[in-house]
N, C-alpha and C. Protein backbone atom coordinates (compact mmCIF):
# COMPACT_ATOMS: atom_id res chain seq x y z
N MET A 1 106.48 91.97 99.58
CA MET A 1 106.07 91.24 98.11
C MET A 1 106.39 92.57 97.07
N PRO A 2 107.43 92.50 96.34
CA PRO A 2 107.35 93.68 95.51
C PRO A 2 106.67 93.75 94.23
N ALA A 3 106.24 95.07 93.76
CA ALA A 3 105.48 94.99 92.31
C ALA A 3 106.69 95.26 91.22
N ARG A 4 106.37 94.68 90.30
CA ARG A 4 107.53 94.82 89.02
C ARG A 4 106.60 96.12 87.91
N TYR A 5 107.73 96.44 86.97
CA TYR A 5 107.44 97.33 86.14
C TYR A 5 106.14 97.35 85.27
N ASP A 6 106.09 96.07 84.79
CA ASP A 6 104.80 95.80 84.10
C ASP A 6 103.73 94.96 84.63
N ASP A 7 103.69 94.62 86.27
CA ASP A 7 102.87 94.35 86.95
C ASP A 7 101.37 95.04 86.89
N GLU A 8 100.18 94.72 86.37
CA GLU A 8 98.86 95.38 86.69
C GLU A 8 98.63 95.24 88.31
N LEU A 9 98.14 96.71 88.39
CA LEU A 9 98.13 96.61 90.03
C LEU A 9 96.65 97.23 90.10
N GLU A 10 96.05 96.76 91.24
CA GLU A 10 94.41 97.35 91.41
C GLU A 10 94.70 98.23 92.76
N ILE A 11 94.08 99.06 92.80
CA ILE A 11 94.35 100.13 94.20
C ILE A 11 92.84 100.16 94.56
N ARG A 12 92.49 99.35 95.88
CA ARG A 12 91.30 99.46 96.48
C ARG A 12 91.31 100.40 97.65
N THR A 13 90.41 101.10 97.71
CA THR A 13 90.26 102.02 98.69
C THR A 13 88.58 102.06 99.41
N LYS A 14 88.86 102.63 100.68
CA LYS A 14 87.70 102.52 101.24
C LYS A 14 87.62 103.77 102.28
N GLY A 15 86.35 104.60 102.29
CA GLY A 15 86.01 105.64 103.22
C GLY A 15 85.21 105.47 104.45
N THR A 16 85.86 105.53 105.62
CA THR A 16 85.04 105.46 106.64
C THR A 16 85.03 106.63 107.44
N VAL A 17 84.01 107.20 107.79
CA VAL A 17 83.67 108.47 108.88
C VAL A 17 84.24 107.89 110.48
N VAL A 18 85.13 108.60 110.55
CA VAL A 18 85.72 108.51 111.83
C VAL A 18 84.78 109.48 113.12
N THR A 19 84.53 110.75 112.77
CA THR A 19 83.87 111.54 113.75
C THR A 19 83.03 112.36 112.58
N HIS A 20 82.40 113.46 113.28
CA HIS A 20 81.77 114.26 112.24
C HIS A 20 82.68 115.17 111.28
N VAL A 21 83.76 115.20 111.87
CA VAL A 21 85.02 115.91 110.95
C VAL A 21 85.67 115.36 110.51
N ARG A 22 86.08 114.04 110.58
CA ARG A 22 87.15 113.22 109.98
C ARG A 22 86.48 112.18 109.29
N VAL A 23 87.73 111.67 108.47
CA VAL A 23 87.30 110.42 107.64
C VAL A 23 88.66 109.60 107.31
N GLU A 24 88.71 108.43 107.48
CA GLU A 24 90.07 107.80 107.59
C GLU A 24 89.28 106.97 106.03
N PHE A 25 90.61 106.99 105.22
CA PHE A 25 90.79 106.33 104.20
C PHE A 25 91.57 105.37 104.19
N THR A 26 91.18 103.69 103.88
CA THR A 26 92.29 102.49 103.71
C THR A 26 92.41 102.29 102.23
N TYR A 27 93.67 101.72 102.15
CA TYR A 27 94.15 101.46 100.89
C TYR A 27 94.63 100.07 100.90
N GLU A 28 94.65 99.34 99.60
CA GLU A 28 95.40 97.94 99.44
C GLU A 28 95.88 98.00 98.13
N ILE A 29 97.00 97.60 97.95
CA ILE A 29 97.30 97.66 96.51
C ILE A 29 97.51 96.20 96.10
N VAL A 30 96.67 95.45 94.93
CA VAL A 30 96.71 93.97 94.67
C VAL A 30 97.30 93.74 93.34
N ARG A 31 98.38 92.90 93.27
CA ARG A 31 98.61 92.42 92.01
C ARG A 31 97.48 91.57 91.37
N VAL A 32 96.96 92.11 90.07
CA VAL A 32 95.96 91.62 89.40
C VAL A 32 96.30 89.97 89.18
N THR A 33 97.30 89.77 88.40
CA THR A 33 97.57 88.41 87.99
C THR A 33 97.49 87.28 89.30
N ASP A 34 97.79 87.38 90.62
CA ASP A 34 97.74 86.49 91.32
C ASP A 34 97.05 86.64 92.75
N GLY A 35 96.53 88.21 92.62
CA GLY A 35 95.64 88.62 93.84
C GLY A 35 96.53 88.80 94.99
N ALA A 36 97.93 88.71 94.90
CA ALA A 36 98.56 88.92 96.22
C ALA A 36 98.51 90.43 96.54
N SER A 37 98.12 90.53 97.88
CA SER A 37 98.18 91.76 98.43
C SER A 37 99.53 92.54 98.92
N LEU A 38 99.96 93.65 98.23
CA LEU A 38 101.33 93.93 98.20
C LEU A 38 101.80 95.10 99.39
N VAL A 39 100.66 95.95 99.46
CA VAL A 39 100.75 96.88 100.34
C VAL A 39 99.39 97.38 101.12
N THR A 40 99.62 97.70 102.19
CA THR A 40 98.11 98.53 102.93
C THR A 40 98.51 99.91 103.51
N GLY A 41 97.63 100.48 103.63
CA GLY A 41 97.99 101.73 104.22
C GLY A 41 96.64 102.63 104.51
N HIS A 42 96.65 103.83 105.31
CA HIS A 42 95.64 104.49 105.63
C HIS A 42 95.90 106.09 105.53
N THR A 43 94.90 106.94 105.54
CA THR A 43 95.22 108.27 105.66
C THR A 43 93.94 108.80 106.42
N VAL A 44 94.30 109.90 107.10
CA VAL A 44 93.32 110.45 107.98
C VAL A 44 92.92 111.95 107.40
N HIS A 45 91.78 112.23 107.06
CA HIS A 45 91.45 113.77 106.49
C HIS A 45 90.67 114.55 107.46
N ALA A 46 90.51 115.74 107.50
CA ALA A 46 89.78 116.38 108.30
C ALA A 46 88.86 117.52 107.43
N ALA A 47 87.94 117.73 107.52
CA ALA A 47 87.06 118.80 106.72
C ALA A 47 87.58 120.15 107.41
N LEU A 48 87.59 121.20 106.68
CA LEU A 48 88.02 122.44 107.27
C LEU A 48 86.92 123.28 106.69
N ASP A 49 86.67 124.33 107.15
CA ASP A 49 86.12 125.73 106.52
C ASP A 49 87.14 126.30 105.77
N ARG A 50 86.84 127.83 105.26
CA ARG A 50 87.51 128.53 104.56
C ARG A 50 88.64 129.17 105.25
N ASP A 51 88.40 129.29 106.68
CA ASP A 51 89.36 129.86 107.41
C ASP A 51 90.46 128.93 108.24
N GLY A 52 90.39 127.49 107.60
CA GLY A 52 91.28 126.44 108.04
C GLY A 52 90.69 125.76 109.17
N ARG A 53 89.55 126.04 109.72
CA ARG A 53 89.20 125.36 111.21
C ARG A 53 88.26 124.20 110.81
N PRO A 54 88.25 123.15 111.73
CA PRO A 54 87.56 121.90 111.29
C PRO A 54 86.19 122.46 111.25
N CYS A 55 85.21 121.63 110.70
CA CYS A 55 84.05 121.91 110.50
C CYS A 55 83.49 120.36 110.36
N ARG A 56 82.20 120.20 110.38
CA ARG A 56 81.35 119.11 110.15
C ARG A 56 81.21 118.74 108.61
N LEU A 57 81.34 117.55 108.48
CA LEU A 57 81.55 116.72 107.02
C LEU A 57 79.96 117.42 106.22
N PRO A 58 79.89 117.97 105.22
CA PRO A 58 78.81 117.96 104.61
C PRO A 58 77.77 116.77 104.34
N PRO A 59 76.77 116.86 104.72
CA PRO A 59 75.79 115.91 104.87
C PRO A 59 75.94 114.78 103.71
N HIS A 60 75.93 115.24 102.59
CA HIS A 60 75.90 114.46 101.15
C HIS A 60 77.20 113.52 101.29
N VAL A 61 78.21 114.33 101.89
CA VAL A 61 79.53 113.37 102.11
C VAL A 61 79.64 112.45 103.11
N ARG A 62 78.98 112.35 103.98
CA ARG A 62 78.94 111.52 105.05
C ARG A 62 78.12 110.58 104.78
N ALA A 63 76.82 111.15 104.13
CA ALA A 63 76.00 109.67 103.60
C ALA A 63 76.41 108.77 102.69
N LEU A 64 77.39 109.46 101.68
CA LEU A 64 78.02 108.66 100.78
C LEU A 64 79.00 107.63 101.42
N LEU A 65 79.78 108.19 102.36
CA LEU A 65 80.74 107.28 102.89
C LEU A 65 79.98 106.41 103.86
N GLU A 66 78.95 106.47 104.68
CA GLU A 66 78.39 105.47 105.40
C GLU A 66 77.51 104.69 104.65
N GLU A 67 77.00 105.00 103.33
CA GLU A 67 76.51 104.18 102.49
C GLU A 67 77.39 102.95 101.89
N THR A 68 78.65 103.41 101.56
CA THR A 68 79.69 103.00 100.87
C THR A 68 80.19 101.86 102.04
N SER A 69 80.30 102.27 103.16
CA SER A 69 80.75 101.28 104.46
C SER A 69 80.04 100.38 104.45
N THR A 70 78.69 100.57 104.53
CA THR A 70 77.50 99.80 104.71
C THR A 70 77.64 98.64 103.50
N GLU A 71 77.79 99.00 102.43
CA GLU A 71 77.75 98.18 100.89
C GLU A 71 79.07 97.23 101.01
N THR A 72 80.07 97.64 101.55
CA THR A 72 81.17 96.73 101.72
C THR A 72 81.67 95.98 102.92
N ALA A 73 80.61 95.98 103.72
CA ALA A 73 80.85 95.39 105.30
C ALA A 73 80.77 93.91 104.85
N GLY A 74 82.09 93.21 105.57
CA GLY A 74 82.05 91.86 105.43
C GLY A 74 82.83 91.84 103.90
N ARG A 75 83.12 92.22 103.20
CA ARG A 75 84.35 91.71 102.10
C ARG A 75 85.67 91.84 102.64
N PRO A 76 86.24 90.94 102.05
CA PRO A 76 87.59 91.42 102.16
C PRO A 76 88.72 92.50 101.97
């Protein structure tokens, strides 16, 4: 289903901790007028240190993502 130039769109995203180093974000673009889901997708991100090597996610980031995942559990 295509979006048109004047369509109002809502971008929904959710972050999920995959490992101690990686996070996955899922995305859904929804047309506001009729609630139609137009497209979904995801990206995976890794935490890196200053030298470009993988490192653990900072505790406050991990806690925030885990809290958000818990709050949105069961939502469409």
